[in-house]
PDB file of N, CA and C in Angstrom:
ATOM      1  N   MET A   1     101.302  90.113  95.088  1.00  0.00           N
ATOM      2  CA  MET A   1     100.015  90.368  94.661  1.00  0.00           C
ATOM      3  C   MET A   1      99.336  91.070  95.813  1.00  0.00           C
ATOM      4  N   GLN A   2      98.428  91.984  95.509  1.00  0.00           N
ATOM      5  CA  GLN A   2      97.746  92.719  96.623  1.00  0.00           C
ATOM      6  C   GLN A   2      96.480  92.007  97.037  1.00  0.00           C
ATOM      7  N   SER A   3      95.909  92.541  98.103  1.00  0.00           N
ATOM      8  CA  SER A   3      94.778  91.884  98.661  1.00  0.00           C
ATOM      9  C   SER A   3      93.468  92.178  97.792  1.00  0.00           C
ATOM     10  N   LYS A   4      92.427  91.450  97.992  1.00  0.00           N
ATOM     11  CA  LYS A   4      91.116  91.632  97.250  1.00  0.00           C
ATOM     12  C   LYS A   4      90.607  92.992  97.521  1.00  0.00           C
ATOM     13  N   ALA A   5      90.714  93.396  98.751  1.00  0.00           N
ATOM     14  CA  ALA A   5      90.175  94.742  99.161  1.00  0.00           C
ATOM     15  C   ALA A   5      90.780  95.865  98.468  1.00  0.00           C
ATOM     16  N   PHE A   6      92.071  95.809  98.279  1.00  0.00           N
ATOM     17  CA  PHE A   6      92.860  96.832  97.581  1.00  0.00           C
ATOM     18  C   PHE A   6      92.504  96.726  96.062  1.00  0.00           C
ATOM     19  N   SER A   7      92.416  95.544  95.545  1.00  0.00           N
ATOM     20  CA  SER A   7      92.009  95.390  94.192  1.00  0.00           C
ATOM     21  C   SER A   7      90.588  96.046  93.880  1.00  0.00           C
ATOM     22  N   ILE A   8      89.761  95.831  94.785  1.00  0.00           N
ATOM     23  CA  ILE A   8      88.333  96.286  94.683  1.00  0.00           C
ATOM     24  C   ILE A   8      88.351  97.773  94.772  1.00  0.00           C
ATOM     25  N   ALA A   9      89.152  98.329  95.678  1.00  0.00           N
ATOM     26  CA  ALA A   9      89.278  99.847  95.777  1.00  0.00           C
ATOM     27  C   ALA A   9      89.869 100.443  94.504  1.00  0.00           C
ATOM     28  N   VAL A  10      90.897  99.777  93.923  1.00  0.00           N
ATOM     29  CA  VAL A  10      91.434 100.356  92.675  1.00  0.00           C
ATOM     30  C   VAL A  10      90.399 100.307  91.529  1.00  0.00           C
ATOM     31  N   VAL A  11      89.781  99.199  91.332  1.00  0.00           N
ATOM     32  CA  VAL A  11      88.835  99.132  90.197  1.00  0.00           C
ATOM     33  C   VAL A  11      87.583  99.940  90.459  1.00  0.00           C
ATOM     34  N   SER A  12      87.160 100.132  91.712  1.00  0.00           N
ATOM     35  CA  SER A  12      86.079 101.008  91.990  1.00  0.00           C
ATOM     36  C   SER A  12      86.381 102.405  91.595  1.00  0.00           C
ATOM     37  N   LEU A  13      87.630 102.898  91.944  1.00  0.00           N
ATOM     38  CA  LEU A  13      87.985 104.202  91.363  1.00  0.00           C
ATOM     39  C   LEU A  13      87.999 104.207  89.874  1.00  0.00           C
ATOM     40  N   PHE A  14      88.454 103.219  89.203  1.00  0.00           N
ATOM     41  CA  PHE A  14      88.515 103.179  87.765  1.00  0.00           C
ATOM     42  C   PHE A  14      87.099 103.201  87.189  1.00  0.00           C
ATOM     43  N   VAL A  15      86.219 102.387  87.621  1.00  0.00           N
ATOM     44  CA  VAL A  15      84.799 102.400  87.149  1.00  0.00           C
ATOM     45  C   VAL A  15      84.129 103.618  87.416  1.00  0.00           C
ATOM     46  N   ALA A  16      84.309 104.177  88.549  1.00  0.00           N
ATOM     47  CA  ALA A  16      83.757 105.560  88.919  1.00  0.00           C
ATOM     48  C   ALA A  16      84.295 106.632  87.934  1.00  0.00           C
ATOM     49  N   GLY A  17      85.506 106.510  87.551  1.00  0.00           N
ATOM     50  CA  GLY A  17      86.161 107.459  86.630  1.00  0.00           C
ATOM     51  C   GLY A  17      85.485 107.262  85.247  1.00  0.00           C
ATOM     52  N   VAL A  18      85.239 106.073  84.859  1.00  0.00           N
ATOM     53  CA  VAL A  18      84.545 105.856  83.517  1.00  0.00           C
ATOM     54  C   VAL A  18      83.100 106.403  83.577  1.00  0.00           C
ATOM     55  N   ALA A  19      82.409 106.095  84.646  1.00  0.00           N
ATOM     56  CA  ALA A  19      81.046 106.616  84.764  1.00  0.00           C
ATOM     57  C   ALA A  19      81.000 108.158  84.835  1.00  0.00           C
ATOM     58  N   ALA A  20      81.987 108.783  85.587  1.00  0.00           N
ATOM     59  CA  ALA A  20      82.074 110.208  85.643  1.00  0.00           C
ATOM     60  C   ALA A  20      82.489 110.761  84.276  1.00  0.00           C
ATOM     61  N   TRP A  21      83.220 110.081  83.532  1.00  0.00           N
ATOM     62  CA  TRP A  21      83.602 110.559  82.200  1.00  0.00           C
ATOM     63  C   TRP A  21      82.312 110.760  81.336  1.00  0.00           C
ATOM     64  N   TYR A  22      81.461 109.751  81.319  1.00  0.00           N
ATOM     65  CA  TYR A  22      80.245 109.813  80.489  1.00  0.00           C
ATOM     66  C   TYR A  22      79.298 110.867  81.071  1.00  0.00           C
ATOM     67  N   ALA A  23      79.220 111.045  82.367  1.00  0.00           N
ATOM     68  CA  ALA A  23      78.411 112.027  82.974  1.00  0.00           C
ATOM     69  C   ALA A  23      78.956 113.448  82.672  1.00  0.00           C
ATOM     70  N   ALA A  24      80.234 113.603  82.612  1.00  0.00           N
ATOM     71  CA  ALA A  24      80.875 114.898  82.293  1.00  0.00           C
ATOM     72  C   ALA A  24      80.604 115.261  80.750  1.00  0.00           C
ATOM     73  N   ARG A  25      80.692 114.193  79.998  1.00  0.00           N
ATOM     74  CA  ARG A  25      80.430 114.372  78.546  1.00  0.00           C
ATOM     75  C   ARG A  25      78.988 114.871  78.365  1.00  0.00           C
ATOM     76  N   TYR A  26      78.103 114.331  79.100  1.00  0.00           N
ATOM     77  CA  TYR A  26      76.754 114.746  78.997  1.00  0.00           C
ATOM     78  C   TYR A  26      76.516 116.133  79.493  1.00  0.00           C
ATOM     79  N   TRP A  27      77.222 116.376  80.628  1.00  0.00           N
ATOM     80  CA  TRP A  27      77.052 117.766  81.246  1.00  0.00           C
ATOM     81  C   TRP A  27      77.728 118.925  80.400  1.00  0.00           C
ATOM     82  N   ALA A  28      78.935 118.614  79.766  1.00  0.00           N
ATOM     83  CA  ALA A  28      79.563 119.558  79.012  1.00  0.00           C
ATOM     84  C   ALA A  28      79.013 119.793  77.613  1.00  0.00           C
ATOM     85  N   PHE A  29      78.744 118.662  76.956  1.00  0.00           N
ATOM     86  CA  PHE A  29      78.338 118.737  75.526  1.00  0.00           C
ATOM     87  C   PHE A  29      76.896 118.377  75.272  1.00  0.00           C
ATOM     88  N   ASP A  30      76.138 117.984  76.248  1.00  0.00           N
ATOM     89  CA  ASP A  30      74.770 117.556  76.066  1.00  0.00           C
ATOM     90  C   ASP A  30      74.668 116.395  75.072  1.00  0.00           C
ATOM     91  N   GLN A  31      75.637 115.500  75.217  1.00  0.00           N
ATOM     92  CA  GLN A  31      75.681 114.339  74.310  1.00  0.00           C
ATOM     93  C   GLN A  31      75.442 113.124  75.177  1.00  0.00           C
ATOM     94  N   PHE A  32      74.381 112.398  74.887  1.00  0.00           N
ATOM     95  CA  PHE A  32      74.198 111.124  75.570  1.00  0.00           C
ATOM     96  C   PHE A  32      73.581 110.153  74.526  1.00  0.00           C
ATOM     97  N   ARG A  33      74.277 109.089  74.355  1.00  0.00           N
ATOM     98  CA  ARG A  33      73.770 108.035  73.479  1.00  0.00           C
ATOM     99  C   ARG A  33      73.779 106.686  74.247  1.00  0.00           C
ATOM    100  N   PRO A  34      72.665 105.994  74.265  1.00  0.00           N
ATOM    101  CA  PRO A  34      72.649 104.757  75.031  1.00  0.00           C
ATOM    102  C   PRO A  34      73.717 103.818  74.602  1.00  0.00           C
ATOM    103  N   PHE A  35      74.218 103.895  73.408  1.00  0.00           N
ATOM    104  CA  PHE A  35      75.286 103.066  72.966  1.00  0.00           C
ATOM    105  C   PHE A  35      76.610 103.285  73.685  1.00  0.00           C
ATOM    106  N   SER A  36      76.752 104.516  74.269  1.00  0.00           N
ATOM    107  CA  SER A  36      77.974 104.853  74.926  1.00  0.00           C
ATOM    108  C   SER A  36      78.085 104.182  76.308  1.00  0.00           C
ATOM    109  N   LEU A  37      76.941 103.658  76.761  1.00  0.00           N
ATOM    110  CA  LEU A  37      76.952 102.862  78.013  1.00  0.00           C
ATOM    111  C   LEU A  37      77.761 101.550  77.914  1.00  0.00           C
ATOM    112  N   ILE A  38      78.105 101.176  76.703  1.00  0.00           N
ATOM    113  CA  ILE A  38      78.829  99.994  76.531  1.00  0.00           C
ATOM    114  C   ILE A  38      80.240 100.136  77.102  1.00  0.00           C
ATOM    115  N   GLY A  39      80.760 101.433  77.118  1.00  0.00           N
ATOM    116  CA  GLY A  39      82.036 101.710  77.798  1.00  0.00           C
ATOM    117  C   GLY A  39      81.988 101.315  79.246  1.00  0.00           C
ATOM    118  N   VAL A  40      80.897 101.745  79.947  1.00  0.00           N
ATOM    119  CA  VAL A  40      80.786 101.478  81.372  1.00  0.00           C
ATOM    120  C   VAL A  40      80.723  99.890  81.597  1.00  0.00           C
ATOM    121  N   VAL A  41      79.990  99.211  80.755  1.00  0.00           N
ATOM    122  CA  VAL A  41      79.781  97.813  80.849  1.00  0.00           C
ATOM    123  C   VAL A  41      81.120  97.073  80.666  1.00  0.00           C
ATOM    124  N   LEU A  42      81.929  97.540  79.640  1.00  0.00           N
ATOM    125  CA  LEU A  42      83.223  96.999  79.456  1.00  0.00           C
ATOM    126  C   LEU A  42      84.174  97.365  80.640  1.00  0.00           C
ATOM    127  N   ALA A  43      84.070  98.490  81.216  1.00  0.00           N
ATOM    128  CA  ALA A  43      84.936  98.828  82.372  1.00  0.00           C
ATOM    129  C   ALA A  43      84.493  97.859  83.569  1.00  0.00           C
ATOM    130  N   ILE A  44      83.256  97.586  83.701  1.00  0.00           N
ATOM    131  CA  ILE A  44      82.843  96.657  84.815  1.00  0.00           C
ATOM    132  C   ILE A  44      83.421  95.259  84.533  1.00  0.00           C
ATOM    133  N   ALA A  45      83.352  94.854  83.254  1.00  0.00           N
ATOM    134  CA  ALA A  45      83.895  93.500  82.912  1.00  0.00           C
ATOM    135  C   ALA A  45      85.426  93.476  83.122  1.00  0.00           C
ATOM    136  N   LEU A  46      86.144  94.539  82.781  1.00  0.00           N
ATOM    137  CA  LEU A  46      87.583  94.641  83.028  1.00  0.00           C
ATOM    138  C   LEU A  46      87.859  94.636  84.535  1.00  0.00           C
ATOM    139  N   ALA A  47      86.978  95.309  85.256  1.00  0.00           N
ATOM    140  CA  ALA A  47      87.194  95.289  86.747  1.00  0.00           C
ATOM    141  C   ALA A  47      87.042  93.915  87.440  1.00  0.00           C
ATOM    142  N   ILE A  48      86.069  93.196  86.901  1.00  0.00           N
ATOM    143  CA  ILE A  48      85.883  91.821  87.360  1.00  0.00           C
ATOM    144  C   ILE A  48      87.034  90.984  87.153  1.00  0.00           C
ATOM    145  N   SER A  49      87.585  91.130  85.846  1.00  0.00           N
ATOM    146  CA  SER A  49      88.796  90.297  85.470  1.00  0.00           C
ATOM    147  C   SER A  49      89.988  90.771  86.263  1.00  0.00           C
ATOM    148  N   PHE A  50      90.067  92.001  86.637  1.00  0.00           N
ATOM    149  CA  PHE A  50      91.111  92.629  87.513  1.00  0.00           C
ATOM    150  C   PHE A  50      91.078  92.074  88.862  1.00  0.00           C
ATOM    151  N   VAL A  51      89.931  91.957  89.378  1.00  0.00           N
ATOM    152  CA  VAL A  51      89.809  91.495  90.860  1.00  0.00           C
ATOM    153  C   VAL A  51      90.134  89.978  90.840  1.00  0.00           C
ATOM    154  N   ARG A  52      89.963  89.261  89.784  1.00  0.00           N
ATOM    155  CA  ARG A  52      90.154  87.891  89.854  1.00  0.00           C
ATOM    156  C   ARG A  52      91.670  87.575  89.638  1.00  0.00           C
ATOM    157  N   GLY A  53      92.449  88.585  89.330  1.00  0.00           N
ATOM    158  CA  GLY A  53      93.856  88.495  89.349  1.00  0.00           C
ATOM    159  C   GLY A  53      94.515  88.342  87.933  1.00  0.00           C
ATOM    160  N   ASP A  54      93.777  88.539  86.840  1.00  0.00           N
ATOM    161  CA  ASP A  54      94.366  88.508  85.520  1.00  0.00           C
ATOM    162  C   ASP A  54      95.444  89.561  85.333  1.00  0.00           C
ATOM    163  N   LEU A  55      96.574  89.224  84.988  1.00  0.00           N
ATOM    164  CA  LEU A  55      97.719  90.205  84.772  1.00  0.00           C
ATOM    165  C   LEU A  55      97.537  91.145  83.634  1.00  0.00           C
ATOM    166  N   PHE A  56      96.986  90.490  82.543  1.00  0.00           N
ATOM    167  CA  PHE A  56      96.724  91.381  81.322  1.00  0.00           C
ATOM    168  C   PHE A  56      95.728  92.421  81.620  1.00  0.00           C
ATOM    169  N   SER A  57      94.663  92.121  82.398  1.00  0.00           N
ATOM    170  CA  SER A  57      93.738  93.100  82.681  1.00  0.00           C
ATOM    171  C   SER A  57      94.210  94.249  83.604  1.00  0.00           C
ATOM    172  N   ARG A  58      95.164  93.840  84.446  1.00  0.00           N
ATOM    173  CA  ARG A  58      95.818  94.875  85.266  1.00  0.00           C
ATOM    174  C   ARG A  58      96.568  95.827  84.385  1.00  0.00           C
ATOM    175  N   TRP A  59      97.358  95.416  83.447  1.00  0.00           N
ATOM    176  CA  TRP A  59      98.046  96.308  82.551  1.00  0.00           C
ATOM    177  C   TRP A  59      97.122  97.089  81.660  1.00  0.00           C
ATOM    178  N   LEU A  60      96.013  96.434  81.222  1.00  0.00           N
ATOM    179  CA  LEU A  60      95.024  97.126  80.424  1.00  0.00           C
ATOM    180  C   LEU A  60      94.311  98.198  81.215  1.00  0.00           C
ATOM    181  N   THR A  61      93.976  97.878  82.457  1.00  0.00           N
ATOM    182  CA  THR A  61      93.369  98.997  83.384  1.00  0.00           C
ATOM    183  C   THR A  61      94.424 100.107  83.553  1.00  0.00           C
ATOM    184  N   LEU A  62      95.712  99.792  83.725  1.00  0.00           N
ATOM    185  CA  LEU A  62      96.727 100.864  83.852  1.00  0.00           C
ATOM    186  C   LEU A  62      96.748 101.765  82.623  1.00  0.00           C
ATOM    187  N   ALA A  63      96.755 101.095  81.444  1.00  0.00           N
ATOM    188  CA  ALA A  63      96.790 101.903  80.232  1.00  0.00           C
ATOM    189  C   ALA A  63      95.557 102.727  80.003  1.00  0.00           C
ATOM    190  N   PHE A  64      94.401 102.182  80.285  1.00  0.00           N
ATOM    191  CA  PHE A  64      93.111 102.968  80.158  1.00  0.00           C
ATOM    192  C   PHE A  64      93.057 104.051  81.235  1.00  0.00           C
ATOM    193  N   GLY A  65      93.647 103.795  82.371  1.00  0.00           N
ATOM    194  CA  GLY A  65      93.617 104.793  83.416  1.00  0.00           C
ATOM    195  C   GLY A  65      94.520 106.002  83.120  1.00  0.00           C
ATOM    196  N   ILE A  66      95.662 105.713  82.543  1.00  0.00           N
ATOM    197  CA  ILE A  66      96.570 106.789  82.036  1.00  0.00           C
ATOM    198  C   ILE A  66      95.942 107.560  80.935  1.00  0.00           C
ATOM    199  N   PHE A  67      95.307 106.852  79.967  1.00  0.00           N
ATOM    200  CA  PHE A  67      94.661 107.547  78.847  1.00  0.00           C
ATOM    201  C   PHE A  67      93.537 108.398  79.339  1.00  0.00           C
ATOM    202  N   GLY A  68      92.660 107.809  80.233  1.00  0.00           N
ATOM    203  CA  GLY A  68      91.567 108.551  80.777  1.00  0.00           C
ATOM    204  C   GLY A  68      91.980 109.795  81.509  1.00  0.00           C
ATOM    205  N   ALA A  69      93.009 109.652  82.257  1.00  0.00           N
ATOM    206  CA  ALA A  69      93.460 110.858  83.004  1.00  0.00           C
ATOM    207  C   ALA A  69      93.982 111.960  82.119  1.00  0.00           C
ATOM    208  N   TYR A  70      94.755 111.561  81.107  1.00  0.00           N
ATOM    209  CA  TYR A  70      95.293 112.541  80.151  1.00  0.00           C
ATOM    210  C   TYR A  70      94.140 113.171  79.352  1.00  0.00           C
ATOM    211  N   SER A  71      93.265 112.376  78.871  1.00  0.00           N
ATOM    212  CA  SER A  71      92.186 112.978  78.039  1.00  0.00           C
ATOM    213  C   SER A  71      91.229 113.848  78.804  1.00  0.00           C
ATOM    214  N   SER A  72      90.950 113.479  80.120  1.00  0.00           N
ATOM    215  CA  SER A  72      90.056 114.353  80.984  1.00  0.00           C
ATOM    216  C   SER A  72      90.739 115.634  81.161  1.00  0.00           C
ATOM    217  N   PHE A  73      91.951 115.671  81.594  1.00  0.00           N
ATOM    218  CA  PHE A  73      92.602 116.975  81.883  1.00  0.00           C
ATOM    219  C   PHE A  73      92.854 117.742  80.563  1.00  0.00           C
ATOM    220  N   ASN A  74      93.105 117.072  79.485  1.00  0.00           N
ATOM    221  CA  ASN A  74      93.335 117.715  78.225  1.00  0.00           C
ATOM    222  C   ASN A  74      92.009 118.428  77.746  1.00  0.00           C
ATOM    223  N   LEU A  75      90.915 117.644  77.929  1.00  0.00           N
ATOM    224  CA  LEU A  75      89.566 118.247  77.517  1.00  0.00           C
ATOM    225  C   LEU A  75      89.249 119.425  78.383  1.00  0.00           C
ATOM    226  N   PHE A  76      89.562 119.354  79.698  1.00  0.00           N
ATOM    227  CA  PHE A  76      89.333 120.458  80.643  1.00  0.00           C
ATOM    228  C   PHE A  76      90.099 121.740  80.175  1.00  0.00           C
ATOM    229  N   LEU A  77      91.385 121.551  79.893  1.00  0.00           N
ATOM    230  CA  LEU A  77      92.212 122.748  79.389  1.00  0.00           C
ATOM    231  C   LEU A  77      91.775 123.192  78.057  1.00  0.00           C
ATOM    232  N   HIS A  78      91.365 122.292  77.153  1.00  0.00           N
ATOM    233  CA  HIS A  78      90.951 122.733  75.871  1.00  0.00           C
ATOM    234  C   HIS A  78      89.684 123.488  75.886  1.00  0.00           C
ATOM    235  N   ILE A  79      88.691 123.035  76.682  1.00  0.00           N
ATOM    236  CA  ILE A  79      87.423 123.763  76.846  1.00  0.00           C
ATOM    237  C   ILE A  79      87.679 125.076  77.529  1.00  0.00           C
ATOM    238  N   ARG A  80      88.558 125.086  78.532  1.00  0.00           N
ATOM    239  CA  ARG A  80      88.807 126.384  79.218  1.00  0.00           C
ATOM    240  C   ARG A  80      89.425 127.339  78.326  1.00  0.00           C
ATOM    241  N   SER A  81      90.236 126.997  77.374  1.00  0.00           N
ATOM    242  CA  SER A  81      90.984 127.936  76.460  1.00  0.00           C
ATOM    243  C   SER A  81      89.974 128.380  75.365  1.00  0.00           C
ATOM    244  N   LYS A  82      88.938 127.625  75.058  1.00  0.00           N
ATOM    245  CA  LYS A  82      88.010 127.979  74.015  1.00  0.00           C
ATOM    246  C   LYS A  82      86.774 128.803  74.542  1.00  0.00           C
ATOM    247  N   VAL A  83      86.584 128.851  75.814  1.00  0.00           N
ATOM    248  CA  VAL A  83      85.411 129.532  76.337  1.00  0.00           C
ATOM    249  C   VAL A  83      85.336 130.947  75.909  1.00  0.00           C
ATOM    250  N   ALA A  84      86.500 131.664  75.807  1.00  0.00           N
ATOM    251  CA  ALA A  84      86.507 133.063  75.359  1.00  0.00           C
ATOM    252  C   ALA A  84      86.012 133.163  73.917  1.00  0.00           C
ATOM    253  N   LEU A  85      86.281 132.153  73.160  1.00  0.00           N
ATOM    254  CA  LEU A  85      85.946 132.235  71.692  1.00  0.00           C
ATOM    255  C   LEU A  85      84.427 131.855  71.437  1.00  0.00           C
ATOM    256  N   LEU A  86      83.817 131.179  72.450  1.00  0.00           N
ATOM    257  CA  LEU A  86      82.414 130.790  72.209  1.00  0.00           C
ATOM    258  C   LEU A  86      81.374 131.852  72.361  1.00  0.00           C
ATOM    259  N   GLU A  87      81.699 132.948  72.945  1.00  0.00           N
ATOM    260  CA  GLU A  87      80.834 134.102  73.128  1.00  0.00           C
ATOM    261  C   GLU A  87      79.438 133.702  73.601  1.00  0.00           C
ATOM    262  N   GLY A  88      79.271 133.510  74.899  1.00  0.00           N
ATOM    263  CA  GLY A  88      77.938 133.292  75.400  1.00  0.00           C
ATOM    264  C   GLY A  88      77.490 131.871  75.503  1.00  0.00           C
ATOM    265  N   LYS A  89      78.096 130.987  74.715  1.00  0.00           N
ATOM    266  CA  LYS A  89      77.733 129.578  74.897  1.00  0.00           C
ATOM    267  C   LYS A  89      78.453 129.083  76.125  1.00  0.00           C
ATOM    268  N   GLU A  90      77.719 128.481  77.008  1.00  0.00           N
ATOM    269  CA  GLU A  90      78.271 128.035  78.246  1.00  0.00           C
ATOM    270  C   GLU A  90      78.718 126.580  78.108  1.00  0.00           C
ATOM    271  N   MET A  91      79.965 126.286  78.325  1.00  0.00           N
ATOM    272  CA  MET A  91      80.397 124.927  78.362  1.00  0.00           C
ATOM    273  C   MET A  91      81.129 124.633  79.756  1.00  0.00           C
ATOM    274  N   ASN A  92      80.918 123.534  80.297  1.00  0.00           N
ATOM    275  CA  ASN A  92      81.496 123.269  81.610  1.00  0.00           C
ATOM    276  C   ASN A  92      82.653 122.287  81.466  1.00  0.00           C
ATOM    277  N   GLY A  93      83.850 122.899  81.314  1.00  0.00           N
ATOM    278  CA  GLY A  93      85.064 122.074  81.259  1.00  0.00           C
ATOM    279  C   GLY A  93      85.378 121.476  82.591  1.00  0.00           C
ATOM    280  N   GLU A  94      84.883 122.171  83.652  1.00  0.00           N
ATOM    281  CA  GLU A  94      85.211 121.674  84.985  1.00  0.00           C
ATOM    282  C   GLU A  94      84.671 120.246  85.291  1.00  0.00           C
ATOM    283  N   ALA A  95      83.670 119.880  84.427  1.00  0.00           N
ATOM    284  CA  ALA A  95      83.076 118.509  84.573  1.00  0.00           C
ATOM    285  C   ALA A  95      84.139 117.367  84.372  1.00  0.00           C
ATOM    286  N   PHE A  96      85.161 117.657  83.702  1.00  0.00           N
ATOM    287  CA  PHE A  96      86.168 116.688  83.424  1.00  0.00           C
ATOM    288  C   PHE A  96      87.289 116.571  84.402  1.00  0.00           C
ATOM    289  N   ILE A  97      87.209 117.429  85.492  1.00  0.00           N
ATOM    290  CA  ILE A  97      88.235 117.329  86.518  1.00  0.00           C
ATOM    291  C   ILE A  97      88.011 116.041  87.332  1.00  0.00           C
ATOM    292  N   LEU A  98      86.751 115.762  87.715  1.00  0.00           N
ATOM    293  CA  LEU A  98      86.538 114.585  88.579  1.00  0.00           C
ATOM    294  C   LEU A  98      86.913 113.316  87.928  1.00  0.00           C
ATOM    295  N   PRO A  99      86.590 112.963  86.576  1.00  0.00           N
ATOM    296  CA  PRO A  99      87.065 111.776  85.963  1.00  0.00           C
ATOM    297  C   PRO A  99      88.626 111.789  85.938  1.00  0.00           C
ATOM    298  N   GLY A 100      89.280 112.942  85.747  1.00  0.00           N
ATOM    299  CA  GLY A 100      90.720 112.920  85.640  1.00  0.00           C
ATOM    300  C   GLY A 100      91.299 112.557  86.947  1.00  0.00           C
ATOM    301  N   VAL A 101      90.679 113.117  88.068  1.00  0.00           N
ATOM    302  CA  VAL A 101      91.231 112.817  89.368  1.00  0.00           C
ATOM    303  C   VAL A 101      91.013 111.356  89.713  1.00  0.00           C
ATOM    304  N   LEU A 102      89.816 110.814  89.359  1.00  0.00           N
ATOM    305  CA  LEU A 102      89.585 109.297  89.657  1.00  0.00           C
ATOM    306  C   LEU A 102      90.515 108.475  88.875  1.00  0.00           C
ATOM    307  N   PHE A 103      90.648 108.722  87.575  1.00  0.00           N
ATOM    308  CA  PHE A 103      91.634 108.040  86.741  1.00  0.00           C
ATOM    309  C   PHE A 103      93.096 108.092  87.348  1.00  0.00           C
ATOM    310  N   SER A 104      93.449 109.233  87.705  1.00  0.00           N
ATOM    311  CA  SER A 104      94.793 109.422  88.227  1.00  0.00           C
ATOM    312  C   SER A 104      95.023 108.705  89.529  1.00  0.00           C
ATOM    313  N   LEU A 105      94.031 108.790  90.414  1.00  0.00           N
ATOM    314  CA  LEU A 105      94.138 107.971  91.654  1.00  0.00           C
ATOM    315  C   LEU A 105      94.239 106.501  91.471  1.00  0.00           C
ATOM    316  N   SER A 106      93.385 105.967  90.509  1.00  0.00           N
ATOM    317  CA  SER A 106      93.428 104.517  90.255  1.00  0.00           C
ATOM    318  C   SER A 106      94.750 104.135  89.607  1.00  0.00           C
ATOM    319  N   THR A 107      95.285 104.997  88.770  1.00  0.00           N
ATOM    320  CA  THR A 107      96.581 104.713  88.128  1.00  0.00           C
ATOM    321  C   THR A 107      97.767 104.774  89.087  1.00  0.00           C
ATOM    322  N   VAL A 108      97.709 105.711  89.978  1.00  0.00           N
ATOM    323  CA  VAL A 108      98.806 105.805  90.971  1.00  0.00           C
ATOM    324  C   VAL A 108      98.763 104.619  91.910  1.00  0.00           C
ATOM    325  N   LEU A 109      97.559 104.213  92.332  1.00  0.00           N
ATOM    326  CA  LEU A 109      97.373 103.016  93.213  1.00  0.00           C
ATOM    327  C   LEU A 109      97.923 101.777  92.491  1.00  0.00           C
ATOM    328  N   LEU A 110      97.603 101.618  91.103  1.00  0.00           N
ATOM    329  CA  LEU A 110      98.005 100.517  90.390  1.00  0.00           C
ATOM    330  C   LEU A 110      99.601 100.510  90.233  1.00  0.00           C
ATOM    331  N   ILE A 111     100.259 101.610  90.061  1.00  0.00           N
ATOM    332  CA  ILE A 111     101.662 101.660  89.982  1.00  0.00           C
ATOM    333  C   ILE A 111     102.336 101.270  91.233  1.00  0.00           C
ATOM    334  N   VAL A 112     101.733 101.779  92.323  1.00  0.00           N
ATOM    335  CA  VAL A 112     102.252 101.478  93.646  1.00  0.00           C
ATOM    336  C   VAL A 112     102.142  99.957  93.995  1.00  0.00           C
ATOM    337  N   SER A 113     100.932  99.429  93.542  1.00  0.00           N
ATOM    338  CA  SER A 113     100.835  97.943  93.749  1.00  0.00           C
ATOM    339  C   SER A 113     101.790  97.201  92.924  1.00  0.00           C
ATOM    340  N   PHE A 114     102.012  97.564  91.640  1.00  0.00           N
ATOM    341  CA  PHE A 114     103.042  96.874  90.875  1.00  0.00           C
ATOM    342  C   PHE A 114     104.457  96.960  91.526  1.00  0.00           C
ATOM    343  N   MET A 115     104.798  98.121  92.056  1.00  0.00           N
ATOM    344  CA  MET A 115     106.081  98.285  92.674  1.00  0.00           C
ATOM    345  C   MET A 115     106.153  97.465  93.924  1.00  0.00           C
ATOM    346  N   VAL A 116     105.133  97.395  94.763  1.00  0.00           N
ATOM    347  CA  VAL A 116     105.163  96.623  96.017  1.00  0.00           C
ATOM    348  C   VAL A 116     105.268  95.122  95.632  1.00  0.00           C
ATOM    349  N   GLY A 117     104.593  94.727  94.596  1.00  0.00           N
ATOM    350  CA  GLY A 117     104.681  93.340  94.173  1.00  0.00           C
ATOM    351  C   GLY A 117     106.062  92.898  93.693  1.00  0.00           C
ATOM    352  N   GLN A 118     106.774  93.864  92.996  1.00  0.00           N
ATOM    353  CA  GLN A 118     108.181  93.570  92.536  1.00  0.00           C
ATOM    354  C   GLN A 118     109.079  93.534  93.778  1.00  0.00           C
ATOM    355  N   PHE A 119     108.913  94.379  94.783  1.00  0.00           N
ATOM    356  CA  PHE A 119     109.739  94.341  95.967  1.00  0.00           C
ATOM    357  C   PHE A 119     109.479  93.010  96.711  1.00  0.00           C
ATOM    358  N   ARG A 120     108.227  92.615  96.752  1.00  0.00           N
ATOM    359  CA  ARG A 120     107.947  91.283  97.501  1.00  0.00           C
ATOM    360  C   ARG A 120     108.553  90.137  96.748  1.00  0.00           C
ATOM    361  N   LYS A 121     108.535  90.194  95.383  1.00  0.00           N
ATOM    362  CA  LYS A 121     109.194  89.062  94.668  1.00  0.00           C
ATOM    363  C   LYS A 121     110.694  88.987  94.945  1.00  0.00           C
ATOM    364  N   ARG A 122     111.361  90.150  94.951  1.00  0.00           N
ATOM    365  CA  ARG A 122     112.754  90.146  95.238  1.00  0.00           C
ATOM    366  C   ARG A 122     113.057  89.690  96.656  1.00  0.00           C
ATOM    367  N   LYS A 123     112.238  90.016  97.566  1.00  0.00           N
ATOM    368  CA  LYS A 123     112.441  89.662  98.981  1.00  0.00           C
ATOM    369  C   LYS A 123     112.249  88.175  99.124  1.00  0.00           C
ATOM    370  N   VAL A 124     111.237  87.547  98.458  1.00  0.00           N
ATOM    371  CA  VAL A 124     111.064  86.142  98.484  1.00  0.00           C
ATOM    372  C   VAL A 124     112.119  85.352  97.744  1.00  0.00           C
ATOM    373  N   ALA A 125     112.618  85.917  96.672  1.00  0.00           N
ATOM    374  CA  ALA A 125     113.754  85.243  95.993  1.00  0.00           C
ATOM    375  C   ALA A 125     115.049  85.223  96.757  1.00  0.00           C
ATOM    376  N   LYS A 126     115.259  86.170  97.612  1.00  0.00           N
ATOM    377  CA  LYS A 126     116.451  86.130  98.430  1.00  0.00           C
ATOM    378  C   LYS A 126     116.285  85.131  99.569  1.00  0.00           C
TER     379      LYS A 126
END
């Protein structure tokens, strides 16, 4: 198991990625609905459960991180490919780079922490 400080760093990146996702959505599409803030609240609840050490929430955070990174970079590439077709309408696909990077960093740190945990378990078992 990793330290609390490492867990807090990982979930901080994850929650920042979720918040940046909604900010990018607003910036790129001018869509903001107060109902969409439920995603940020759920990310914070998942982060609290993650820091407390719940294994299911760690795997759920990993899954959401992978999905968030994929969808962020996919939206960036999709918007970039469609800009030529929009003729004058400005869309900022670059807004989705930051959430993609934040989700990717949190996912990589989670995978590293899982691998370190497995190595520690093997070492203790011997």
